[in-house]
């Protein structure tokens, strides 16, 4: 089983970029996924890979094509640089894994109609700002997002 399936991450739409961070002994793969979002899968040897939607986590504009990515060991920083739909160059920067906290609420899903997240178990009773109920995760292919609190 590859890292995408092991992490439960969305499928890649474009070619990935990979790098290794020696300071944390972690492998990283960044790729363009569904809905023009950038995703990162990371793992240390022997541990289960985890993924994050970098576009949502970084509140960043959607990407057009393959990103460039790298890590710096000293401050354990990671960087993704990419072209957005506005034809501007954007950067997402983060240290460690701030989204990996012990306190998380899962089952958050993405709605194609309003372009926002909603609590997935309540899809049938939800109210989408775009009208009606939020789009069902089976329709959008939304990942199961866990939000830290």
Foldseek 3Di string as FASTA:
>chain_A
DDLCVQQQHADAPADWDWDAAPLVQKIWIWGQGPPQWIKIWMDHPPDGIHMDGLCVVQVHAGADHYWDKDFDHPQQKIKIWGAHPVRDIDMRMDHDDVFDDPAKDKQWWAFPQQRDIDRQVCQQVAAHPSGDGGDHCVVRVTGIDIGHD
